[in-house]
C-alpha atoms as a PDB file:
ATOM      1  CA  MET A   1     118.417 121.541  88.501  1.00  0.00           C
ATOM      2  CA  ALA A   2     116.028 119.718  91.038  1.00  0.00           C
ATOM      3  CA  GLU A   3     113.911 116.340  89.846  1.00  0.00           C
ATOM      4  CA  GLU A   4     110.924 118.557  90.598  1.00  0.00           C
ATOM      5  CA  LEU A   5     111.612 121.159  88.200  1.00  0.00           C
ATOM      6  CA  ARG A   6     112.433 118.660  85.721  1.00  0.00           C
ATOM      7  CA  PHE A   7     109.279 116.848  86.513  1.00  0.00           C
ATOM      8  CA  PHE A   8     107.501 119.933  85.305  1.00  0.00           C
ATOM      9  CA  LEU A   9     109.552 120.477  82.029  1.00  0.00           C
ATOM     10  CA  ARG A  10     108.734 116.711  81.343  1.00  0.00           C
ATOM     11  CA  THR A  11     105.605 117.286  82.141  1.00  0.00           C
ATOM     12  CA  GLY A  12     105.401 119.927  79.404  1.00  0.00           C
ATOM     13  CA  ALA A  13     106.975 119.039  76.934  1.00  0.00           C
ATOM     14  CA  TYR A  14     104.972 115.467  77.037  1.00  0.00           C
ATOM     15  CA  SER A  15     101.655 118.258  76.914  1.00  0.00           C
ATOM     16  CA  ILE A  16     103.152 119.499  73.706  1.00  0.00           C
ATOM     17  CA  VAL A  17     103.126 116.496  72.084  1.00  0.00           C
ATOM     18  CA  VAL A  18     100.056 115.165  73.325  1.00  0.00           C
ATOM     19  CA  GLY A  19      98.693 118.309  71.810  1.00  0.00           C
ATOM     20  CA  GLY A  20      99.813 118.295  69.023  1.00  0.00           C
ATOM     21  CA  VAL A  21      98.715 114.764  68.079  1.00  0.00           C
ATOM     22  CA  TYR A  22      95.174 115.688  69.653  1.00  0.00           C
ATOM     23  CA  TRP A  23      94.850 118.796  67.487  1.00  0.00           C
ATOM     24  CA  PHE A  24      95.415 116.823  64.252  1.00  0.00           C
ATOM     25  CA  VAL A  25      93.100 113.730  65.202  1.00  0.00           C
ATOM     26  CA  SER A  26      90.311 115.634  66.855  1.00  0.00           C
ATOM     27  CA  TYR A  27      91.040 119.675  65.425  1.00  0.00           C
ATOM     28  CA  GLU A  28      88.776 120.061  68.948  1.00  0.00           C
ATOM     29  CA  VAL A  29      89.617 123.724  69.978  1.00  0.00           C
ATOM     30  CA  ALA A  30      88.654 123.500  73.750  1.00  0.00           C
ATOM     31  CA  GLY A  31      91.142 120.048  74.548  1.00  0.00           C
ATOM     32  CA  SER A  32      94.275 121.730  72.659  1.00  0.00           C
ATOM     33  CA  LEU A  33      93.962 124.861  74.760  1.00  0.00           C
ATOM     34  CA  LEU A  34      93.783 122.900  77.907  1.00  0.00           C
ATOM     35  CA  LEU A  35      96.497 121.336  76.947  1.00  0.00           C
ATOM     36  CA  LEU A  36      98.069 124.451  75.485  1.00  0.00           C
ATOM     37  CA  PHE A  37      97.532 125.604  79.391  1.00  0.00           C
ATOM     38  CA  VAL A  38      99.189 122.856  80.867  1.00  0.00           C
ATOM     39  CA  VAL A  39     102.552 123.625  79.222  1.00  0.00           C
ATOM     40  CA  PHE A  40     102.530 127.042  79.653  1.00  0.00           C
ATOM     41  CA  SER A  41     101.972 126.778  83.564  1.00  0.00           C
ATOM     42  CA  SER A  42     104.531 124.231  83.317  1.00  0.00           C
ATOM     43  CA  LEU A  43     106.600 126.163  81.662  1.00  0.00           C
ATOM     44  CA  VAL A  44     106.122 129.341  84.400  1.00  0.00           C
ATOM     45  CA  PHE A  45     106.047 127.342  86.863  1.00  0.00           C
ATOM     46  CA  VAL A  46     109.380 125.928  86.073  1.00  0.00           C
ATOM     47  CA  GLY A  47     110.891 129.263  85.157  1.00  0.00           C
ATOM     48  CA  VAL A  48     109.891 131.083  88.270  1.00  0.00           C
ATOM     49  CA  ALA A  49     110.993 128.299  90.547  1.00  0.00           C
ATOM     50  CA  ALA A  50     114.307 127.831  88.875  1.00  0.00           C
ATOM     51  CA  ALA A  51     114.884 131.625  89.315  1.00  0.00           C
ATOM     52  CA  PHE A  52     114.046 130.904  93.245  1.00  0.00           C
ATOM     53  CA  VAL A  53     116.875 128.398  93.425  1.00  0.00           C
ATOM     54  CA  ARG A  54     119.529 130.528  91.567  1.00  0.00           C
ATOM     55  CA  GLN A  55     118.869 133.067  93.779  1.00  0.00           C
ATOM     56  CA  ALA A  56     118.744 130.555  97.434  1.00  0.00           C
ATOM     57  CA  ARG A  57     122.012 129.150  96.217  1.00  0.00           C
ATOM     58  CA  ASN A  58     123.277 132.705  95.238  1.00  0.00           C
ATOM     59  CA  GLU A  59     125.200 130.770  92.281  1.00  0.00           C
ATOM     60  CA  ILE A  60     125.750 132.019  88.745  1.00  0.00           C
ATOM     61  CA  VAL A  61     126.120 128.849  85.745  1.00  0.00           C
ATOM     62  CA  PRO A  62     130.179 129.284  86.108  1.00  0.00           C
ATOM     63  CA  ASP A  63     132.342 130.675  83.035  1.00  0.00           C
ATOM     64  CA  ASP A  64     134.734 127.860  83.074  1.00  0.00           C
ATOM     65  CA  THR A  65     133.423 126.362  79.994  1.00  0.00           C
ATOM     66  CA  ALA A  66     132.103 128.386  76.886  1.00  0.00           C
ATOM     67  CA  GLY A  67     129.746 128.013  73.333  1.00  0.00           C
ATOM     68  CA  LEU A  68     128.378 124.530  72.763  1.00  0.00           C
ATOM     69  CA  GLY A  69     130.111 123.131  75.564  1.00  0.00           C
ATOM     70  CA  ARG A  70     127.883 125.285  78.181  1.00  0.00           C
ATOM     71  CA  VAL A  71     124.920 124.455  76.542  1.00  0.00           C
ATOM     72  CA  LEU A  72     125.583 120.732  76.404  1.00  0.00           C
ATOM     73  CA  GLY A  73     125.732 121.046  80.356  1.00  0.00           C
ATOM     74  CA  ALA A  74     122.635 123.095  80.474  1.00  0.00           C
ATOM     75  CA  VAL A  75     120.663 120.727  78.576  1.00  0.00           C
ATOM     76  CA  ASN A  76     122.061 117.862  80.214  1.00  0.00           C
ATOM     77  CA  ARG A  77     121.179 119.415  83.848  1.00  0.00           C
ATOM     78  CA  VAL A  78     117.263 119.876  82.649  1.00  0.00           C
ATOM     79  CA  PHE A  79     116.788 116.142  81.836  1.00  0.00           C
ATOM     80  CA  GLY A  80     118.468 114.838  84.490  1.00  0.00           C
ATOM     81  CA  PHE A  81     122.118 113.639  82.779  1.00  0.00           C
ATOM     82  CA  GLU A  82     124.274 115.129  85.471  1.00  0.00           C
ATOM     83  CA  GLU A  83     122.986 117.102  88.899  1.00  0.00           C
ATOM     84  CA  HIS A  84     125.259 120.422  89.385  1.00  0.00           C
ATOM     85  CA  ARG A  85     126.352 120.756  92.715  1.00  0.00           C
ATOM     86  CA  SER A  86     127.406 124.223  94.189  1.00  0.00           C
ATOM     87  CA  ALA A  87     130.013 124.591  96.511  1.00  0.00           C
ATOM     88  CA  ALA A  88     127.619 124.932  99.309  1.00  0.00           C
ATOM     89  CA  GLY A  89     126.567 121.558  98.669  1.00  0.00           C
ATOM     90  CA  THR A  90     123.001 121.691  99.377  1.00  0.00           C
ATOM     91  CA  ASP A  91     120.373 121.702  96.770  1.00  0.00           C
ATOM     92  CA  PRO A  92     116.979 124.194  98.172  1.00  0.00           C
ATOM     93  CA  LEU A  93     114.284 121.370  97.317  1.00  0.00           C
ATOM     94  CA  ALA A  94     116.156 118.321  98.053  1.00  0.00           C
ATOM     95  CA  ALA A  95     114.554 116.531 100.480  1.00  0.00           C
ATOM     96  CA  GLY A  96     116.011 115.553 104.247  1.00  0.00           C
ATOM     97  CA  LEU A  97     116.999 112.117 105.171  1.00  0.00           C
ATOM     98  CA  GLU A  98     112.576 110.787 106.582  1.00  0.00           C
ATOM     99  CA  PRO A  99     111.691 108.139 107.295  1.00  0.00           C
ATOM    100  CA  ILE A 100     109.990 106.135 105.104  1.00  0.00           C
ATOM    101  CA  PRO A 101     106.379 105.549 106.327  1.00  0.00           C
ATOM    102  CA  THR A 102     105.033 101.784 106.874  1.00  0.00           C
ATOM    103  CA  GLY A 103     102.598 100.327 104.488  1.00  0.00           C
ATOM    104  CA  SER A 104      99.208  99.893 105.398  1.00  0.00           C
ATOM    105  CA  LEU A 105      96.069  98.329 103.744  1.00  0.00           C
ATOM    106  CA  TRP A 106      93.394 101.820 105.497  1.00  0.00           C
ATOM    107  CA  PRO A 107      93.631 104.169 102.347  1.00  0.00           C
ATOM    108  CA  LEU A 108      92.400 101.031 100.458  1.00  0.00           C
ATOM    109  CA  VAL A 109      90.107  99.919 102.385  1.00  0.00           C
ATOM    110  CA  ALA A 110      89.079 104.299 103.477  1.00  0.00           C
ATOM    111  CA  GLY A 111      88.328 104.277  99.417  1.00  0.00           C
ATOM    112  CA  ILE A 112      86.258 101.527  99.098  1.00  0.00           C
ATOM    113  CA  ALA A 113      83.873 102.946 102.218  1.00  0.00           C
ATOM    114  CA  ALA A 114      83.967 105.930 100.402  1.00  0.00           C
ATOM    115  CA  LEU A 115      82.796 104.440  97.071  1.00  0.00           C
ATOM    116  CA  LEU A 116      79.715 102.273  99.202  1.00  0.00           C
ATOM    117  CA  LEU A 117      79.115 105.708 100.758  1.00  0.00           C
ATOM    118  CA  LEU A 118      78.830 107.669  97.789  1.00  0.00           C
ATOM    119  CA  LEU A 119      76.816 105.061  95.885  1.00  0.00           C
ATOM    120  CA  GLY A 120      74.606 104.816  98.929  1.00  0.00           C
ATOM    121  CA  LEU A 121      73.447 108.323  98.323  1.00  0.00           C
ATOM    122  CA  VAL A 122      72.737 107.473  94.787  1.00  0.00           C
ATOM    123  CA  TYR A 123      70.825 104.166  94.969  1.00  0.00           C
ATOM    124  CA  GLY A 124      70.120 104.234  99.152  1.00  0.00           C
ATOM    125  CA  PRO A 125      70.458 102.851 101.914  1.00  0.00           C
ATOM    126  CA  TRP A 126      71.269  99.220 101.292  1.00  0.00           C
ATOM    127  CA  LEU A 127      74.999 100.952 100.159  1.00  0.00           C
ATOM    128  CA  LEU A 128      74.556 103.657 102.258  1.00  0.00           C
ATOM    129  CA  LEU A 129      74.521 101.384 105.534  1.00  0.00           C
ATOM    130  CA  PRO A 130      77.747  99.078 104.955  1.00  0.00           C
ATOM    131  CA  GLY A 131      79.633 102.157 103.601  1.00  0.00           C
ATOM    132  CA  ILE A 132      78.989 104.007 107.613  1.00  0.00           C
ATOM    133  CA  VAL A 133      79.831 100.728 108.978  1.00  0.00           C
ATOM    134  CA  LEU A 134      83.050  99.964 106.635  1.00  0.00           C
ATOM    135  CA  ALA A 135      84.255 103.617 107.372  1.00  0.00           C
ATOM    136  CA  ALA A 136      83.728 103.819 111.049  1.00  0.00           C
ATOM    137  CA  GLY A 137      85.940 100.049 111.667  1.00  0.00           C
ATOM    138  CA  THR A 138      88.606 101.751 108.510  1.00  0.00           C
ATOM    139  CA  VAL A 139      89.053 104.951 110.981  1.00  0.00           C
ATOM    140  CA  TRP A 140      89.342 103.356 113.860  1.00  0.00           C
ATOM    141  CA  GLY A 141      91.671 100.624 112.145  1.00  0.00           C
ATOM    142  CA  TRP A 142      93.571 103.176 110.864  1.00  0.00           C
ATOM    143  CA  VAL A 143      93.639 105.599 114.195  1.00  0.00           C
ATOM    144  CA  THR A 144      95.020 102.508 116.167  1.00  0.00           C
ATOM    145  CA  GLN A 145      97.473 101.179 114.135  1.00  0.00           C
ATOM    146  CA  SER A 146     101.088 101.079 115.244  1.00  0.00           C
ATOM    147  CA  GLY A 147     103.732 102.696 112.959  1.00  0.00           C
END
């Protein structure tokens, strides 16, 4: 099972635990239902994506194991203890070899500029003007940044 699917499965499991604790601590219906919908949407995503992955691989779980061995193998693959590879060898959701982007300071500066712009809309031009200048400098620096 691809790491993306395991991520959503772990998100659903975590939300079940948090939702149960939240319900017994607060007895609040709206928040508990929202956490329940997070669980539901995570499990729906995992189910649909797993069906697409299985169809893309054109593979069914091998019949060489029976009973408890098959169940334990499925649990191991779901939680990432072992990765089952098909005969074709490629995983439909696996990322290819892509270059890792270099680090940059400009996203942080852009966040500070956005903060100044938003606070300038609330408190006045004494924060808005520095935000505009910083945002313009951020755009220029980010665009001219070399690889």
